[in-house]
Amino acid sequence: LMMSSNGKPTPPEEFDQALRLIPAPVAIVGVRKGDVLGGLTAAWVTRVSIDPALLLVSIGHQRHTWKLLEGAEQFTISILAEGQVSEARLFGLKSRIEVDKWAQVDHDLLGNGIPALRHCTSRFLCQVEDVIRTGDHYCFVGEIIAAEVVDGAPALPMRGADDPPGQD
């Protein structure tokens, strides 16, 4: 139970609202399992080490992409630019079970054939180093084995709603 500054329990909606104010980039995580290319929109992406260079992405185990990541050796992270709301929605609202999302966007295959957006601010190819269960999510920790600044424009920030920037 979380307490507010006045000593009273924090209402769940206020707790959630406060968490949504933590800045986070919006990224597309790419993975390959056999011939299937998968991916999803993730807002819980962060650096966790400089040496070695490690990134962490947190993914709910109920997501189809989690099933593709389970046992994977590599994954990609493509950081979205401010104008890439449609890509964020495509990868965040559609399941690979329903639609081949990668067929709808320009992409390149990195490393062992792992998809990454061709147009984004930056992208990373990661070698899976660890997988940690944390509540209702799994954290995939990957060592960066390739990094590229593609456009370098400001990243699309997570806003906690499915609205384009400036529309909330």
C-alpha atoms as a PDB file:
ATOM      1  CA  LEU A   1       0.000   0.000   0.000  1.00  0.00           C
ATOM      2  CA  MET A   2       1.455   3.328  -1.105  1.00  0.00           C
ATOM      3  CA  MET A   3       1.059   6.318   1.215  1.00  0.00           C
ATOM      4  CA  SER A   4       0.820   9.936   0.104  1.00  0.00           C
ATOM      5  CA  SER A   5       2.558  12.852   1.808  1.00  0.00           C
ATOM      6  CA  ASN A   6      -0.497  13.383   4.037  1.00  0.00           C
ATOM      7  CA  GLY A   7      -0.192   9.826   5.428  1.00  0.00           C
ATOM      8  CA  LYS A   8      -3.311   8.553   3.656  1.00  0.00           C
ATOM      9  CA  PRO A   9      -3.304   5.721   1.124  1.00  0.00           C
ATOM     10  CA  THR A  10      -2.687   6.887  -2.437  1.00  0.00           C
ATOM     11  CA  PRO A  11      -5.699   6.141  -4.655  1.00  0.00           C
ATOM     12  CA  PRO A  12      -4.792   3.652  -7.439  1.00  0.00           C
ATOM     13  CA  GLU A  13      -5.605   6.141 -10.210  1.00  0.00           C
ATOM     14  CA  GLU A  14      -3.250   8.749  -8.683  1.00  0.00           C
ATOM     15  CA  PHE A  15      -0.537   6.127  -8.268  1.00  0.00           C
ATOM     16  CA  ASP A  16      -0.894   5.155 -11.955  1.00  0.00           C
ATOM     17  CA  GLN A  17      -0.963   8.820 -13.025  1.00  0.00           C
ATOM     18  CA  ALA A  18       2.295   9.501 -11.153  1.00  0.00           C
ATOM     19  CA  LEU A  19       4.006   6.488 -12.756  1.00  0.00           C
ATOM     20  CA  ARG A  20       2.983   7.683 -16.227  1.00  0.00           C
ATOM     21  CA  LEU A  21       4.961  10.896 -15.659  1.00  0.00           C
ATOM     22  CA  ILE A  22       8.269   9.013 -15.623  1.00  0.00           C
ATOM     23  CA  PRO A  23       9.889   9.920 -18.966  1.00  0.00           C
ATOM     24  CA  ALA A  24      10.433   7.024 -21.313  1.00  0.00           C
ATOM     25  CA  PRO A  25      11.160   6.736 -25.020  1.00  0.00           C
ATOM     26  CA  VAL A  26       8.839   4.754 -27.220  1.00  0.00           C
ATOM     27  CA  ALA A  27      10.642   1.933 -28.978  1.00  0.00           C
ATOM     28  CA  ILE A  28       9.913  -0.993 -31.246  1.00  0.00           C
ATOM     29  CA  VAL A  29      11.410  -4.283 -30.091  1.00  0.00           C
ATOM     30  CA  GLY A  30      12.161  -6.718 -32.909  1.00  0.00           C
ATOM     31  CA  VAL A  31      12.697 -10.458 -32.675  1.00  0.00           C
ATOM     32  CA  ARG A  32      12.864 -13.498 -34.931  1.00  0.00           C
ATOM     33  CA  LYS A  33      11.883 -17.058 -34.103  1.00  0.00           C
ATOM     34  CA  GLY A  34      12.438 -19.363 -37.058  1.00  0.00           C
ATOM     35  CA  ASP A  35      10.792 -17.676 -40.035  1.00  0.00           C
ATOM     36  CA  VAL A  36       8.483 -15.522 -37.891  1.00  0.00           C
ATOM     37  CA  LEU A  37       9.372 -11.853 -37.411  1.00  0.00           C
ATOM     38  CA  GLY A  38       7.755 -10.289 -34.367  1.00  0.00           C
ATOM     39  CA  GLY A  39       7.771  -6.953 -32.655  1.00  0.00           C
ATOM     40  CA  LEU A  40       5.966  -4.708 -30.238  1.00  0.00           C
ATOM     41  CA  THR A  41       5.897  -1.166 -28.946  1.00  0.00           C
ATOM     42  CA  ALA A  42       7.699  -0.827 -25.629  1.00  0.00           C
ATOM     43  CA  ALA A  43       7.999   2.164 -23.334  1.00  0.00           C
ATOM     44  CA  TRP A  44       9.967   0.402 -20.624  1.00  0.00           C
ATOM     45  CA  VAL A  45      13.403   0.539 -22.221  1.00  0.00           C
ATOM     46  CA  THR A  46      16.485   1.782 -20.392  1.00  0.00           C
ATOM     47  CA  ARG A  47      20.269   1.617 -20.197  1.00  0.00           C
ATOM     48  CA  VAL A  48      21.491  -0.449 -17.285  1.00  0.00           C
ATOM     49  CA  SER A  49      25.264  -0.486 -17.798  1.00  0.00           C
ATOM     50  CA  ILE A  50      27.990   1.407 -19.639  1.00  0.00           C
ATOM     51  CA  ASP A  51      30.642  -1.329 -19.521  1.00  0.00           C
ATOM     52  CA  PRO A  52      29.492  -3.611 -20.889  1.00  0.00           C
ATOM     53  CA  ALA A  53      26.872  -1.573 -22.744  1.00  0.00           C
ATOM     54  CA  LEU A  54      23.544  -3.100 -21.691  1.00  0.00           C
ATOM     55  CA  LEU A  55      19.918  -2.235 -22.459  1.00  0.00           C
ATOM     56  CA  LEU A  56      16.862  -3.565 -20.664  1.00  0.00           C
ATOM     57  CA  VAL A  57      13.368  -3.937 -22.090  1.00  0.00           C
ATOM     58  CA  SER A  58      10.413  -5.030 -19.983  1.00  0.00           C
ATOM     59  CA  ILE A  59       7.682  -7.067 -21.696  1.00  0.00           C
ATOM     60  CA  GLY A  60       4.486  -8.562 -20.340  1.00  0.00           C
ATOM     61  CA  HIS A  61       4.417 -12.346 -20.528  1.00  0.00           C
ATOM     62  CA  GLN A  62       0.923 -12.255 -22.027  1.00  0.00           C
ATOM     63  CA  ARG A  63       2.259 -10.570 -25.197  1.00  0.00           C
ATOM     64  CA  HIS A  64       2.802 -12.728 -28.288  1.00  0.00           C
ATOM     65  CA  THR A  65       6.226 -11.147 -28.814  1.00  0.00           C
ATOM     66  CA  TRP A  66       7.257 -12.391 -25.362  1.00  0.00           C
ATOM     67  CA  LYS A  67       6.701 -15.935 -26.653  1.00  0.00           C
ATOM     68  CA  LEU A  68       8.986 -15.165 -29.581  1.00  0.00           C
ATOM     69  CA  LEU A  69      11.622 -13.607 -27.298  1.00  0.00           C
ATOM     70  CA  GLU A  70      11.591 -16.593 -24.948  1.00  0.00           C
ATOM     71  CA  GLY A  71      14.777 -18.464 -25.808  1.00  0.00           C
ATOM     72  CA  ALA A  72      15.905 -15.881 -28.398  1.00  0.00           C
ATOM     73  CA  GLU A  73      19.593 -15.050 -28.660  1.00  0.00           C
ATOM     74  CA  GLN A  74      19.169 -11.546 -30.080  1.00  0.00           C
ATOM     75  CA  PHE A  75      16.643  -8.715 -30.268  1.00  0.00           C
ATOM     76  CA  THR A  76      16.588  -5.190 -31.676  1.00  0.00           C
ATOM     77  CA  ILE A  77      15.385  -1.906 -30.245  1.00  0.00           C
ATOM     78  CA  SER A  78      14.402   0.905 -32.632  1.00  0.00           C
ATOM     79  CA  ILE A  79      13.833   4.256 -30.888  1.00  0.00           C
ATOM     80  CA  LEU A  80      10.936   6.138 -32.487  1.00  0.00           C
ATOM     81  CA  ALA A  81      11.026   9.766 -33.564  1.00  0.00           C
ATOM     82  CA  GLU A  82       8.380  12.367 -32.702  1.00  0.00           C
ATOM     83  CA  GLY A  83       6.465  11.811 -35.964  1.00  0.00           C
ATOM     84  CA  GLN A  84       6.219   8.019 -35.737  1.00  0.00           C
ATOM     85  CA  VAL A  85       2.886   7.724 -33.948  1.00  0.00           C
ATOM     86  CA  SER A  86       1.514   5.383 -36.648  1.00  0.00           C
ATOM     87  CA  GLU A  87       4.397   2.939 -36.125  1.00  0.00           C
ATOM     88  CA  ALA A  88       3.895   3.077 -32.364  1.00  0.00           C
ATOM     89  CA  ARG A  89       0.206   2.293 -32.827  1.00  0.00           C
ATOM     90  CA  LEU A  90       0.809  -0.482 -35.376  1.00  0.00           C
ATOM     91  CA  PHE A  91       3.247  -2.330 -33.128  1.00  0.00           C
ATOM     92  CA  GLY A  92       1.346  -1.486 -29.942  1.00  0.00           C
ATOM     93  CA  LEU A  93      -2.222  -2.243 -30.951  1.00  0.00           C
ATOM     94  CA  LYS A  94      -1.854  -5.160 -33.392  1.00  0.00           C
ATOM     95  CA  SER A  95      -0.688  -8.689 -32.623  1.00  0.00           C
ATOM     96  CA  ARG A  96       1.588 -10.733 -34.877  1.00  0.00           C
ATOM     97  CA  ILE A  97      -1.124 -13.370 -34.647  1.00  0.00           C
ATOM     98  CA  GLU A  98      -3.406 -10.997 -36.609  1.00  0.00           C
ATOM     99  CA  VAL A  99      -1.012  -9.167 -38.920  1.00  0.00           C
ATOM    100  CA  ASP A 100       2.599  -9.224 -40.119  1.00  0.00           C
ATOM    101  CA  LYS A 101       3.551  -5.782 -38.816  1.00  0.00           C
ATOM    102  CA  TRP A 102       7.028  -5.848 -40.353  1.00  0.00           C
ATOM    103  CA  ALA A 103       5.473  -6.231 -43.840  1.00  0.00           C
ATOM    104  CA  GLN A 104       3.873  -2.796 -43.338  1.00  0.00           C
ATOM    105  CA  VAL A 105       7.045  -0.816 -42.520  1.00  0.00           C
ATOM    106  CA  ASP A 106      10.455  -0.316 -44.076  1.00  0.00           C
ATOM    107  CA  HIS A 107      12.925  -2.387 -42.096  1.00  0.00           C
ATOM    108  CA  ASP A 108      16.330  -4.018 -42.215  1.00  0.00           C
ATOM    109  CA  LEU A 109      17.448  -7.368 -40.848  1.00  0.00           C
ATOM    110  CA  LEU A 110      20.339  -7.067 -38.402  1.00  0.00           C
ATOM    111  CA  GLY A 111      22.562  -9.736 -36.853  1.00  0.00           C
ATOM    112  CA  ASN A 112      20.920 -13.127 -37.211  1.00  0.00           C
ATOM    113  CA  GLY A 113      18.053 -11.704 -39.285  1.00  0.00           C
ATOM    114  CA  ILE A 114      16.405  -9.668 -36.525  1.00  0.00           C
ATOM    115  CA  PRO A 115      14.098  -6.890 -37.828  1.00  0.00           C
ATOM    116  CA  ALA A 116      14.712  -3.222 -37.001  1.00  0.00           C
ATOM    117  CA  LEU A 117      12.995  -0.124 -38.362  1.00  0.00           C
ATOM    118  CA  ARG A 118      14.822   1.526 -41.252  1.00  0.00           C
ATOM    119  CA  HIS A 119      13.474   4.949 -40.238  1.00  0.00           C
ATOM    120  CA  CYS A 120      13.900   5.833 -36.539  1.00  0.00           C
ATOM    121  CA  THR A 121      16.148   7.968 -34.353  1.00  0.00           C
ATOM    122  CA  SER A 122      18.499   5.129 -33.450  1.00  0.00           C
ATOM    123  CA  ARG A 123      18.553   1.363 -33.349  1.00  0.00           C
ATOM    124  CA  PHE A 124      20.377  -1.313 -31.416  1.00  0.00           C
ATOM    125  CA  LEU A 125      21.120  -4.978 -31.924  1.00  0.00           C
ATOM    126  CA  CYS A 126      21.362  -6.764 -28.588  1.00  0.00           C
ATOM    127  CA  GLN A 127      22.623 -10.173 -27.522  1.00  0.00           C
ATOM    128  CA  VAL A 128      20.440 -11.558 -24.729  1.00  0.00           C
ATOM    129  CA  GLU A 129      22.482 -11.658 -21.513  1.00  0.00           C
ATOM    130  CA  ASP A 130      19.791 -12.276 -18.921  1.00  0.00           C
ATOM    131  CA  VAL A 131      16.046 -12.598 -18.450  1.00  0.00           C
ATOM    132  CA  ILE A 132      14.568 -11.571 -15.105  1.00  0.00           C
ATOM    133  CA  ARG A 133      10.970 -12.092 -14.016  1.00  0.00           C
ATOM    134  CA  THR A 134       9.627  -8.968 -12.316  1.00  0.00           C
ATOM    135  CA  GLY A 135       5.973  -9.182 -11.322  1.00  0.00           C
ATOM    136  CA  ASP A 136       3.795  -9.378 -14.429  1.00  0.00           C
ATOM    137  CA  HIS A 137       6.685  -8.599 -16.800  1.00  0.00           C
ATOM    138  CA  TYR A 138       9.990 -10.108 -17.854  1.00  0.00           C
ATOM    139  CA  CYS A 139      13.061  -7.924 -18.225  1.00  0.00           C
ATOM    140  CA  PHE A 140      15.266  -8.863 -21.154  1.00  0.00           C
ATOM    141  CA  VAL A 141      18.796  -7.564 -20.644  1.00  0.00           C
ATOM    142  CA  GLY A 142      20.816  -7.343 -23.831  1.00  0.00           C
ATOM    143  CA  GLU A 143      24.409  -6.453 -24.507  1.00  0.00           C
ATOM    144  CA  ILE A 144      24.577  -3.947 -27.344  1.00  0.00           C
ATOM    145  CA  ILE A 145      26.567  -5.524 -30.158  1.00  0.00           C
ATOM    146  CA  ALA A 146      25.658  -2.894 -32.787  1.00  0.00           C
ATOM    147  CA  ALA A 147      24.280   0.638 -32.497  1.00  0.00           C
ATOM    148  CA  GLU A 148      23.385   3.174 -35.150  1.00  0.00           C
ATOM    149  CA  VAL A 149      22.132   6.756 -35.090  1.00  0.00           C
ATOM    150  CA  VAL A 150      19.710   6.804 -38.010  1.00  0.00           C
ATOM    151  CA  ASP A 151      18.065  10.234 -37.819  1.00  0.00           C
ATOM    152  CA  GLY A 152      18.918  11.435 -34.337  1.00  0.00           C
ATOM    153  CA  ALA A 153      15.736  13.528 -34.013  1.00  0.00           C
ATOM    154  CA  PRO A 154      14.094  13.690 -30.584  1.00  0.00           C
ATOM    155  CA  ALA A 155      12.456  10.451 -29.551  1.00  0.00           C
ATOM    156  CA  LEU A 156       8.691  10.070 -29.316  1.00  0.00           C
ATOM    157  CA  PRO A 157       7.993  10.264 -25.561  1.00  0.00           C
ATOM    158  CA  MET A 158       5.568   7.955 -23.819  1.00  0.00           C
ATOM    159  CA  ARG A 159       2.512   9.969 -22.815  1.00  0.00           C
ATOM    160  CA  GLY A 160       0.336   7.298 -21.209  1.00  0.00           C
ATOM    161  CA  ALA A 161      -2.386   7.666 -23.835  1.00  0.00           C
ATOM    162  CA  ASP A 162      -2.811   6.616 -27.423  1.00  0.00           C
ATOM    163  CA  ASP A 163      -2.723  10.166 -28.751  1.00  0.00           C
ATOM    164  CA  PRO A 164      -0.207  11.878 -30.981  1.00  0.00           C
ATOM    165  CA  PRO A 165       2.017  14.459 -29.285  1.00  0.00           C
ATOM    166  CA  GLY A 166       0.176  17.736 -28.774  1.00  0.00           C
ATOM    167  CA  GLN A 167      -3.243  16.057 -28.926  1.00  0.00           C
ATOM    168  CA  ASP A 168      -3.692  15.293 -25.224  1.00  0.00           C
END
